[in-house]
N, C-alpha and C. Protein backbone atom coordinates (compact mmCIF):
# COMPACT_ATOMS: atom_id res chain seq x y z
N MET A 1 18.45 14.04 13.31
CA MET A 1 17.31 14.23 13.11
C MET A 1 16.73 14.27 11.71
N LYS A 2 17.98 14.81 10.69
CA LYS A 2 17.42 14.33 9.65
C LYS A 2 17.36 13.23 9.01
N GLN A 3 17.29 12.36 9.01
CA GLN A 3 17.43 10.82 9.23
C GLN A 3 16.46 10.58 9.42
N LEU A 4 15.73 11.29 10.66
CA LEU A 4 14.29 10.60 11.36
C LEU A 4 13.37 11.27 10.01
N PHE A 5 13.75 12.16 9.53
CA PHE A 5 12.56 13.10 8.93
C PHE A 5 12.67 12.25 7.39
N ALA A 6 13.97 12.17 6.87
CA ALA A 6 13.86 11.30 5.95
C ALA A 6 12.96 10.18 5.66
N LEU A 7 13.17 9.62 6.47
CA LEU A 7 12.63 8.05 7.18
C LEU A 7 11.22 8.32 7.12
N LEU A 8 10.50 9.12 7.96
CA LEU A 8 9.25 9.64 7.69
C LEU A 8 8.73 9.78 6.68
N GLY A 9 9.31 10.53 5.76
CA GLY A 9 9.30 10.89 4.36
C GLY A 9 9.25 9.91 3.52
N VAL A 10 9.71 8.61 3.58
CA VAL A 10 9.85 7.56 2.59
C VAL A 10 8.52 7.07 3.18
N LEU A 11 8.16 6.83 4.35
CA LEU A 11 7.23 5.92 5.00
C LEU A 11 6.11 6.41 4.63
N SER A 12 5.62 7.46 4.07
CA SER A 12 4.41 8.58 4.06
C SER A 12 4.46 7.95 2.75
N LEU A 13 5.59 8.33 1.90
CA LEU A 13 5.48 7.97 0.56
C LEU A 13 4.71 6.46 0.15
N ALA A 14 5.25 5.63 0.93
CA ALA A 14 5.05 4.33 0.63
C ALA A 14 3.50 3.94 1.42
N ALA A 15 3.18 4.57 2.27
CA ALA A 15 1.68 4.60 2.80
C ALA A 15 0.53 5.26 1.69
N LEU A 16 1.04 6.12 1.15
CA LEU A 16 0.39 6.79 -0.20
C LEU A 16 0.24 5.86 -1.32
N SER A 17 1.34 5.42 -1.79
CA SER A 17 1.26 4.19 -2.62
C SER A 17 0.70 3.23 -2.73
N PHE A 18 0.41 2.45 -1.22
CA PHE A 18 -0.24 1.57 -0.58
C PHE A 18 -1.42 1.71 -0.94
N GLY A 19 -1.88 2.93 -0.68
CA GLY A 19 -3.70 3.14 -0.93
C GLY A 19 -4.11 2.93 -2.17
N LYS A 20 -3.07 2.96 -3.22
CA LYS A 20 -3.69 3.35 -4.63
C LYS A 20 -3.47 1.79 -5.15
N GLY A 21 -4.54 1.22 -5.93
CA GLY A 21 -4.47 0.04 -6.39
C GLY A 21 -4.89 -0.31 -7.92
N LEU A 22 -4.70 -1.46 -8.55
CA LEU A 22 -5.22 -1.44 -9.78
C LEU A 22 -6.70 -1.97 -10.21
N THR A 23 -7.36 -2.10 -9.21
CA THR A 23 -8.86 -2.31 -9.35
C THR A 23 -9.60 -1.35 -8.83
N GLY A 24 -11.14 -1.88 -9.57
CA GLY A 24 -12.20 -1.15 -8.85
C GLY A 24 -13.44 -2.01 -8.58
N SER A 25 -14.29 -1.33 -8.46
CA SER A 25 -15.60 -1.95 -8.30
C SER A 25 -16.78 -1.21 -8.79
N ILE A 26 -18.09 -2.18 -9.00
CA ILE A 26 -19.51 -1.85 -9.50
C ILE A 26 -20.07 -2.18 -8.36
N SER A 27 -20.88 -0.95 -8.32
CA SER A 27 -22.25 -1.27 -7.13
C SER A 27 -23.36 -0.75 -7.50
N GLY A 28 -24.60 -1.28 -6.96
CA GLY A 28 -25.66 -0.66 -7.43
C GLY A 28 -26.71 -1.15 -6.49
N ASN A 29 -27.94 -0.41 -6.82
CA ASN A 29 -29.22 -0.88 -6.10
C ASN A 29 -30.26 -1.38 -6.97
N LEU A 30 -30.93 -2.25 -6.91
CA LEU A 30 -31.86 -2.58 -8.21
C LEU A 30 -33.50 -2.19 -7.23
N ILE A 31 -34.09 -1.24 -7.95
CA ILE A 31 -35.36 -0.87 -7.37
C ILE A 31 -36.38 -1.28 -8.56
N ASP A 32 -37.74 -1.45 -8.35
CA ASP A 32 -38.76 -1.39 -9.03
C ASP A 32 -39.37 0.08 -9.54
N PRO A 33 -40.05 -0.35 -10.25
CA PRO A 33 -40.56 1.31 -10.92
C PRO A 33 -41.29 2.45 -9.46
N PRO A 34 -42.35 1.56 -8.67
CA PRO A 34 -42.16 2.59 -7.81
C PRO A 34 -41.35 2.94 -6.45
N GLY A 35 -40.24 2.25 -6.66
CA GLY A 35 -38.70 2.59 -5.51
C GLY A 35 -38.78 1.59 -4.79
N SER A 36 -39.59 0.57 -4.72
CA SER A 36 -39.11 -0.41 -3.98
C SER A 36 -37.76 -1.62 -3.87
N ALA A 37 -36.84 -1.50 -2.92
CA ALA A 37 -35.98 -2.40 -3.35
C ALA A 37 -36.20 -3.85 -4.02
N VAL A 38 -35.62 -4.44 -4.88
CA VAL A 38 -35.75 -5.94 -5.11
C VAL A 38 -34.40 -6.89 -4.79
N ALA A 39 -34.89 -7.38 -3.80
CA ALA A 39 -34.13 -8.61 -2.79
C ALA A 39 -34.02 -9.80 -4.00
N GLY A 40 -32.59 -10.42 -3.58
CA GLY A 40 -32.53 -11.71 -4.04
C GLY A 40 -32.38 -12.21 -5.47
N VAL A 41 -32.09 -11.17 -6.37
CA VAL A 41 -31.82 -10.91 -7.66
C VAL A 41 -30.65 -11.18 -8.36
N PRO A 42 -30.07 -12.22 -9.26
CA PRO A 42 -28.86 -12.60 -9.29
C PRO A 42 -28.77 -11.39 -10.42
N VAL A 43 -27.45 -10.98 -10.23
CA VAL A 43 -26.64 -10.03 -11.23
C VAL A 43 -25.34 -10.50 -11.30
N LYS A 44 -25.09 -10.48 -12.51
CA LYS A 44 -23.88 -10.83 -13.51
C LYS A 44 -23.03 -9.72 -14.04
N VAL A 45 -21.85 -9.76 -13.84
CA VAL A 45 -21.04 -8.84 -14.75
C VAL A 45 -19.96 -9.58 -15.63
N THR A 46 -20.00 -9.16 -16.77
CA THR A 46 -18.84 -9.84 -17.47
C THR A 46 -18.11 -8.81 -18.35
N ASN A 47 -16.67 -9.07 -18.38
CA ASN A 47 -15.40 -8.44 -18.95
C ASN A 47 -15.66 -8.65 -20.35
N VAL A 48 -16.13 -7.65 -21.06
CA VAL A 48 -16.20 -7.70 -22.60
C VAL A 48 -14.98 -8.34 -23.08
N SER A 49 -13.80 -7.75 -22.72
CA SER A 49 -12.95 -7.93 -23.22
C SER A 49 -12.22 -9.38 -22.91
N THR A 50 -12.35 -10.19 -21.99
CA THR A 50 -11.64 -11.42 -21.31
C THR A 50 -12.60 -12.52 -21.36
N ASN A 51 -14.06 -11.90 -21.66
CA ASN A 51 -15.17 -12.73 -21.12
C ASN A 51 -15.16 -13.41 -19.53
N GLN A 52 -14.52 -12.92 -18.79
CA GLN A 52 -14.52 -13.22 -17.31
C GLN A 52 -15.60 -12.79 -16.84
N VAL A 53 -16.66 -13.60 -16.08
CA VAL A 53 -18.06 -13.42 -15.51
C VAL A 53 -18.05 -13.83 -13.79
N ARG A 54 -18.57 -12.61 -13.26
CA ARG A 54 -18.82 -12.59 -11.75
C ARG A 54 -20.16 -12.56 -11.42
N GLN A 55 -21.02 -12.98 -10.24
CA GLN A 55 -22.17 -13.11 -10.21
C GLN A 55 -22.22 -12.59 -8.87
N ALA A 56 -23.45 -12.44 -8.49
CA ALA A 56 -23.90 -11.54 -6.88
C ALA A 56 -25.28 -11.55 -7.02
N THR A 57 -26.01 -11.35 -5.95
CA THR A 57 -27.21 -11.55 -5.78
C THR A 57 -27.58 -10.25 -4.79
N THR A 58 -28.61 -9.35 -5.23
CA THR A 58 -29.17 -8.58 -4.81
C THR A 58 -29.77 -8.84 -2.77
N ASP A 59 -29.04 -7.96 -2.18
CA ASP A 59 -29.39 -8.11 -0.84
C ASP A 59 -31.06 -7.77 -0.66
N ALA A 60 -31.12 -7.53 1.01
CA ALA A 60 -32.42 -7.11 1.17
C ALA A 60 -33.19 -5.81 0.92
N ASN A 61 -32.06 -4.92 0.86
CA ASN A 61 -32.03 -3.61 0.36
C ASN A 61 -31.80 -3.32 -1.13
N GLY A 62 -31.99 -4.47 -2.04
CA GLY A 62 -31.78 -4.48 -3.53
C GLY A 62 -29.98 -4.14 -3.93
N HIS A 63 -29.41 -4.09 -2.87
CA HIS A 63 -27.97 -3.77 -3.03
C HIS A 63 -26.92 -5.10 -3.54
N PHE A 64 -26.05 -4.55 -4.84
CA PHE A 64 -25.30 -5.69 -4.81
C PHE A 64 -23.47 -4.74 -5.12
N VAL A 65 -22.76 -5.77 -5.32
CA VAL A 65 -21.36 -5.39 -5.41
C VAL A 65 -20.56 -6.09 -5.94
N PHE A 66 -19.29 -5.73 -7.17
CA PHE A 66 -18.71 -6.57 -7.38
C PHE A 66 -17.23 -5.70 -7.37
N GLU A 67 -16.35 -6.32 -6.35
CA GLU A 67 -15.23 -5.62 -5.83
C GLU A 67 -13.86 -6.35 -6.82
N GLN A 68 -12.93 -5.56 -6.47
CA GLN A 68 -11.75 -6.05 -7.03
C GLN A 68 -11.70 -6.57 -8.56
N LEU A 69 -12.36 -5.53 -9.30
CA LEU A 69 -12.42 -5.54 -10.92
C LEU A 69 -11.06 -5.17 -11.70
N LEU A 70 -10.61 -5.79 -12.52
CA LEU A 70 -9.33 -4.92 -13.36
C LEU A 70 -9.95 -4.35 -14.20
N PRO A 71 -9.33 -2.79 -14.51
CA PRO A 71 -9.82 -2.02 -15.54
C PRO A 71 -9.92 -2.58 -16.81
N GLY A 72 -11.47 -2.21 -17.68
CA GLY A 72 -12.14 -2.69 -18.51
C GLY A 72 -13.34 -1.97 -18.87
N THR A 73 -13.87 -2.98 -19.78
CA THR A 73 -15.48 -2.69 -20.01
C THR A 73 -16.19 -4.02 -19.93
N PHE A 74 -17.25 -3.59 -19.20
CA PHE A 74 -18.11 -4.23 -18.38
C PHE A 74 -19.52 -4.51 -18.88
N ARG A 75 -20.41 -5.49 -19.23
CA ARG A 75 -21.88 -6.04 -19.16
C ARG A 75 -22.19 -6.34 -18.06
N LEU A 76 -23.36 -5.56 -17.60
CA LEU A 76 -24.15 -6.14 -16.25
C LEU A 76 -25.40 -6.22 -16.93
N GLU A 77 -25.46 -7.69 -16.15
CA GLU A 77 -27.25 -8.23 -16.30
C GLU A 77 -27.51 -8.56 -15.32
N VAL A 78 -29.24 -8.20 -15.20
CA VAL A 78 -29.81 -8.33 -14.20
C VAL A 78 -31.10 -8.93 -15.09
N SER A 79 -31.56 -10.58 -14.13
CA SER A 79 -32.37 -11.12 -15.03
C SER A 79 -33.16 -11.85 -13.45
N ALA A 80 -34.49 -11.59 -13.65
CA ALA A 80 -35.66 -12.03 -12.63
C ALA A 80 -37.27 -12.21 -13.19
N LYS A 81 -38.04 -13.19 -12.96
CA LYS A 81 -39.10 -12.82 -13.17
C LYS A 81 -40.12 -11.72 -13.01
N GLY A 82 -40.46 -11.24 -14.14
CA GLY A 82 -41.12 -9.87 -14.13
C GLY A 82 -40.31 -8.58 -14.00
N LEU A 83 -39.19 -9.00 -14.56
CA LEU A 83 -38.29 -7.80 -14.98
C LEU A 83 -37.70 -8.10 -16.52
N LYS A 84 -37.96 -6.60 -17.01
CA LYS A 84 -37.31 -6.63 -18.43
C LYS A 84 -35.78 -6.69 -18.35
N ARG A 85 -34.91 -7.57 -19.28
CA ARG A 85 -33.85 -7.28 -19.44
C ARG A 85 -33.02 -5.98 -19.47
């Protein structure tokens, strides 16, 4: 019985460590001054240290997401007609 509890303890620790990762994400919603979602706008995120660039486009609700980003400092850029940079 002791071996069963020891095995369960090890599996529990393995499950906890599996859930933690080295990456993170950046997400947001693009809205105009009156509060309406802005869809179909290109969004770019750049890792300042490595100059790695990733691109996305806002969805119908103005939402964008960049997943699995390594830790670092990032610059986020949104550019579209009628929007100030």
